[in-house]
Amino acid sequence: MAPVSDVRHVLVLPDRDAAEEAAQALGERFGLDEEPRILRDALAGEDDAEDAQWLVLLSDERALLDPGELDEFAAEWEGWREEP
């Protein structure tokens, strides 16, 4: 039996709408087995809800997703991919 990796990718997006739209588009474009999770990440020291980033978390247990393609995808949504 092949070992299962725990590869995860985190895309950082500027707002909730972008995160929701990107999460839906990720499944369509990359044929994901699992729906991405969306989380709000408040910036340190900021109390205003507008000052938040939105994270899209992708599980990639089989390490099939290309980091470069994910970088390009995140840029389409004015975001970026965090390095693990």
N, C-alpha and C. Protein backbone atom coordinates (compact mmCIF):
# COMPACT_ATOMS: atom_id res chain seq x y z
N MET A 1 0.84 -1.17 0.00
CA MET A 1 0.00 0.00 0.00
C MET A 1 0.89 1.25 0.00
N ALA A 2 0.60 2.18 -0.89
CA ALA A 2 1.37 3.42 -0.98
C ALA A 2 1.02 4.33 0.19
N PRO A 3 2.02 5.01 0.75
CA PRO A 3 1.73 5.93 1.85
C PRO A 3 0.91 7.12 1.36
N VAL A 4 0.07 7.62 2.24
CA VAL A 4 -0.76 8.78 1.92
C VAL A 4 -0.06 10.01 2.48
N SER A 5 0.10 11.02 1.63
CA SER A 5 0.74 12.24 2.10
C SER A 5 -0.31 13.17 2.69
N ASP A 6 0.14 14.17 3.36
CA ASP A 6 -0.77 15.15 3.96
C ASP A 6 -0.51 16.51 3.31
N VAL A 7 -0.54 16.54 1.98
CA VAL A 7 -0.28 17.78 1.26
C VAL A 7 -1.53 18.65 1.30
N ARG A 8 -1.31 19.90 1.69
CA ARG A 8 -2.40 20.87 1.69
C ARG A 8 -1.90 22.14 1.03
N HIS A 9 -2.80 22.80 0.36
CA HIS A 9 -2.49 24.08 -0.26
C HIS A 9 -3.40 25.12 0.35
N VAL A 10 -2.87 26.32 0.53
CA VAL A 10 -3.64 27.42 1.08
C VAL A 10 -3.57 28.57 0.08
N LEU A 11 -4.75 28.97 -0.41
CA LEU A 11 -4.84 30.14 -1.27
C LEU A 11 -5.37 31.29 -0.43
N VAL A 12 -4.73 32.43 -0.52
CA VAL A 12 -5.13 33.62 0.24
C VAL A 12 -5.79 34.58 -0.73
N LEU A 13 -7.04 34.94 -0.42
CA LEU A 13 -7.82 35.80 -1.32
C LEU A 13 -8.31 37.03 -0.57
N PRO A 14 -8.59 38.11 -1.32
CA PRO A 14 -8.86 39.40 -0.69
C PRO A 14 -10.22 39.53 -0.01
N ASP A 15 -11.23 38.76 -0.43
CA ASP A 15 -12.55 38.90 0.18
C ASP A 15 -13.35 37.62 0.06
N ARG A 16 -14.47 37.61 0.76
CA ARG A 16 -15.30 36.39 0.82
C ARG A 16 -15.84 36.00 -0.55
N ASP A 17 -16.31 36.99 -1.32
CA ASP A 17 -16.86 36.68 -2.64
C ASP A 17 -15.82 35.99 -3.51
N ALA A 18 -14.61 36.53 -3.52
CA ALA A 18 -13.54 35.92 -4.32
C ALA A 18 -13.25 34.51 -3.84
N ALA A 19 -13.22 34.30 -2.51
CA ALA A 19 -12.94 32.97 -1.96
C ALA A 19 -14.02 31.97 -2.36
N GLU A 20 -15.28 32.38 -2.28
CA GLU A 20 -16.38 31.48 -2.63
C GLU A 20 -16.36 31.14 -4.12
N GLU A 21 -16.15 32.15 -4.95
CA GLU A 21 -16.10 31.92 -6.39
C GLU A 21 -14.90 31.05 -6.77
N ALA A 22 -13.76 31.32 -6.16
CA ALA A 22 -12.55 30.55 -6.45
C ALA A 22 -12.72 29.10 -6.01
N ALA A 23 -13.32 28.87 -4.84
CA ALA A 23 -13.52 27.50 -4.37
C ALA A 23 -14.37 26.70 -5.34
N GLN A 24 -15.40 27.33 -5.86
CA GLN A 24 -16.25 26.65 -6.84
C GLN A 24 -15.48 26.38 -8.14
N ALA A 25 -14.74 27.37 -8.60
CA ALA A 25 -13.98 27.23 -9.85
C ALA A 25 -12.85 26.20 -9.71
N LEU A 26 -12.26 26.08 -8.50
CA LEU A 26 -11.21 25.09 -8.29
C LEU A 26 -11.70 23.69 -8.58
N GLY A 27 -12.88 23.35 -8.07
CA GLY A 27 -13.45 22.04 -8.30
C GLY A 27 -13.68 21.77 -9.77
N GLU A 28 -14.17 22.78 -10.48
CA GLU A 28 -14.45 22.63 -11.90
C GLU A 28 -13.16 22.51 -12.71
N ARG A 29 -12.18 23.32 -12.39
CA ARG A 29 -10.94 23.35 -13.18
C ARG A 29 -10.03 22.16 -12.89
N PHE A 30 -9.91 21.79 -11.61
CA PHE A 30 -8.94 20.77 -11.23
C PHE A 30 -9.56 19.42 -10.90
N GLY A 31 -10.89 19.29 -10.96
CA GLY A 31 -11.54 18.02 -10.67
C GLY A 31 -11.20 17.48 -9.29
N LEU A 32 -11.39 18.28 -8.27
CA LEU A 32 -11.03 17.91 -6.91
C LEU A 32 -11.92 16.81 -6.36
N ASP A 33 -11.33 15.94 -5.55
CA ASP A 33 -12.08 14.87 -4.89
C ASP A 33 -12.89 15.42 -3.71
N GLU A 34 -12.38 16.48 -3.12
CA GLU A 34 -12.96 17.04 -1.90
C GLU A 34 -13.18 18.54 -2.10
N GLU A 35 -14.31 19.03 -1.62
CA GLU A 35 -14.61 20.45 -1.76
C GLU A 35 -13.65 21.28 -0.88
N PRO A 36 -13.10 22.36 -1.43
CA PRO A 36 -12.20 23.21 -0.64
C PRO A 36 -12.95 23.85 0.55
N ARG A 37 -12.21 24.09 1.63
CA ARG A 37 -12.77 24.78 2.80
C ARG A 37 -12.42 26.25 2.71
N ILE A 38 -13.33 27.10 3.17
CA ILE A 38 -13.11 28.54 3.18
C ILE A 38 -13.09 29.01 4.63
N LEU A 39 -12.06 29.78 4.97
CA LEU A 39 -11.93 30.32 6.32
C LEU A 39 -11.59 31.80 6.26
N ARG A 40 -12.09 32.55 7.22
CA ARG A 40 -11.75 33.97 7.35
C ARG A 40 -10.52 34.07 8.24
N ASP A 41 -9.56 34.89 7.83
CA ASP A 41 -8.33 35.08 8.60
C ASP A 41 -8.16 36.56 8.89
N ALA A 42 -8.54 36.98 10.09
CA ALA A 42 -8.40 38.39 10.47
C ALA A 42 -6.93 38.74 10.55
N LEU A 43 -6.59 39.90 10.05
CA LEU A 43 -5.21 40.36 10.11
C LEU A 43 -4.87 40.75 11.54
N ALA A 44 -3.67 40.45 11.95
CA ALA A 44 -3.24 40.72 13.31
C ALA A 44 -3.44 42.19 13.67
N GLY A 45 -4.08 42.44 14.81
CA GLY A 45 -4.26 43.79 15.30
C GLY A 45 -5.42 44.53 14.66
N GLU A 46 -6.16 43.90 13.79
CA GLU A 46 -7.27 44.56 13.11
C GLU A 46 -8.59 44.08 13.69
N ASP A 47 -9.47 45.02 14.06
CA ASP A 47 -10.78 44.67 14.60
C ASP A 47 -11.86 44.73 13.54
N ASP A 48 -11.62 45.46 12.48
CA ASP A 48 -12.62 45.67 11.45
C ASP A 48 -12.76 44.42 10.57
N ALA A 49 -13.98 43.98 10.37
CA ALA A 49 -14.23 42.78 9.56
C ALA A 49 -13.77 42.96 8.12
N GLU A 50 -13.68 44.20 7.67
CA GLU A 50 -13.21 44.45 6.31
C GLU A 50 -11.73 44.14 6.16
N ASP A 51 -11.00 44.20 7.27
CA ASP A 51 -9.56 43.94 7.25
C ASP A 51 -9.29 42.47 7.51
N ALA A 52 -9.71 41.65 6.57
CA ALA A 52 -9.52 40.21 6.71
C ALA A 52 -9.14 39.64 5.37
N GLN A 53 -8.42 38.55 5.42
CA GLN A 53 -8.13 37.79 4.23
C GLN A 53 -9.00 36.54 4.32
N TRP A 54 -9.24 35.95 3.20
CA TRP A 54 -10.01 34.72 3.16
C TRP A 54 -9.12 33.62 2.63
N LEU A 55 -9.16 32.49 3.29
CA LEU A 55 -8.31 31.36 2.93
C LEU A 55 -9.16 30.26 2.29
N VAL A 56 -8.63 29.69 1.23
CA VAL A 56 -9.24 28.52 0.61
C VAL A 56 -8.25 27.38 0.84
N LEU A 57 -8.68 26.37 1.59
CA LEU A 57 -7.83 25.24 1.94
C LEU A 57 -8.14 24.05 1.05
N LEU A 58 -7.10 23.50 0.44
CA LEU A 58 -7.25 22.36 -0.46
C LEU A 58 -6.46 21.18 0.08
N SER A 59 -7.11 20.06 0.18
CA SER A 59 -6.42 18.83 0.53
C SER A 59 -5.96 18.18 -0.77
N ASP A 60 -4.73 17.73 -0.80
CA ASP A 60 -4.15 17.13 -2.02
C ASP A 60 -3.37 15.89 -1.60
N GLU A 61 -4.08 14.91 -1.05
CA GLU A 61 -3.43 13.72 -0.48
C GLU A 61 -2.56 12.97 -1.48
N ARG A 62 -2.95 13.00 -2.75
CA ARG A 62 -2.18 12.28 -3.76
C ARG A 62 -1.14 13.17 -4.44
N ALA A 63 -1.01 14.41 -3.96
CA ALA A 63 -0.03 15.38 -4.49
C ALA A 63 -0.13 15.51 -6.01
N LEU A 64 -1.36 15.68 -6.49
CA LEU A 64 -1.60 15.80 -7.93
C LEU A 64 -1.65 17.25 -8.42
N LEU A 65 -1.90 18.19 -7.51
CA LEU A 65 -2.04 19.58 -7.92
C LEU A 65 -0.67 20.23 -8.09
N ASP A 66 -0.51 20.94 -9.19
CA ASP A 66 0.75 21.61 -9.49
C ASP A 66 0.78 22.97 -8.79
N PRO A 67 1.76 23.21 -7.92
CA PRO A 67 1.83 24.50 -7.22
C PRO A 67 1.87 25.70 -8.16
N GLY A 68 2.56 25.57 -9.29
CA GLY A 68 2.62 26.67 -10.25
C GLY A 68 1.25 27.00 -10.83
N GLU A 69 0.47 25.98 -11.14
CA GLU A 69 -0.88 26.21 -11.65
C GLU A 69 -1.77 26.85 -10.59
N LEU A 70 -1.58 26.43 -9.33
CA LEU A 70 -2.35 27.04 -8.24
C LEU A 70 -1.95 28.50 -8.03
N ASP A 71 -0.65 28.81 -8.20
CA ASP A 71 -0.19 30.21 -8.12
C ASP A 71 -0.91 31.06 -9.17
N GLU A 72 -0.95 30.56 -10.40
CA GLU A 72 -1.62 31.28 -11.49
C GLU A 72 -3.11 31.42 -11.21
N PHE A 73 -3.72 30.36 -10.72
CA PHE A 73 -5.15 30.39 -10.42
C PHE A 73 -5.44 31.45 -9.36
N ALA A 74 -4.68 31.45 -8.26
CA ALA A 74 -4.90 32.41 -7.18
C ALA A 74 -4.72 33.84 -7.69
N ALA A 75 -3.76 34.05 -8.58
CA ALA A 75 -3.53 35.39 -9.12
C ALA A 75 -4.74 35.89 -9.92
N GLU A 76 -5.46 34.98 -10.54
CA GLU A 76 -6.68 35.36 -11.28
C GLU A 76 -7.72 35.98 -10.35
N TRP A 77 -7.65 35.64 -9.06
CA TRP A 77 -8.59 36.12 -8.06
C TRP A 77 -7.95 37.19 -7.17
N GLU A 78 -6.82 37.75 -7.64
CA GLU A 78 -6.08 38.78 -6.90
C GLU A 78 -5.57 38.25 -5.56
N GLY A 79 -5.16 37.00 -5.57
CA GLY A 79 -4.65 36.39 -4.36
C GLY A 79 -3.33 35.68 -4.64
N TRP A 80 -2.93 34.83 -3.72
CA TRP A 80 -1.69 34.08 -3.88
C TRP A 80 -1.81 32.75 -3.13
N ARG A 81 -0.86 31.88 -3.40
CA ARG A 81 -0.76 30.59 -2.70
C ARG A 81 0.33 30.71 -1.67
N GLU A 82 0.01 30.33 -0.45
CA GLU A 82 0.99 30.33 0.64
C GLU A 82 1.90 29.13 0.48
N GLU A 83 3.19 29.31 0.70
CA GLU A 83 4.12 28.19 0.73
C GLU A 83 3.95 27.46 2.04
N PRO A 84 3.99 26.11 2.00
CA PRO A 84 3.82 25.34 3.26
C PRO A 84 4.98 25.56 4.21
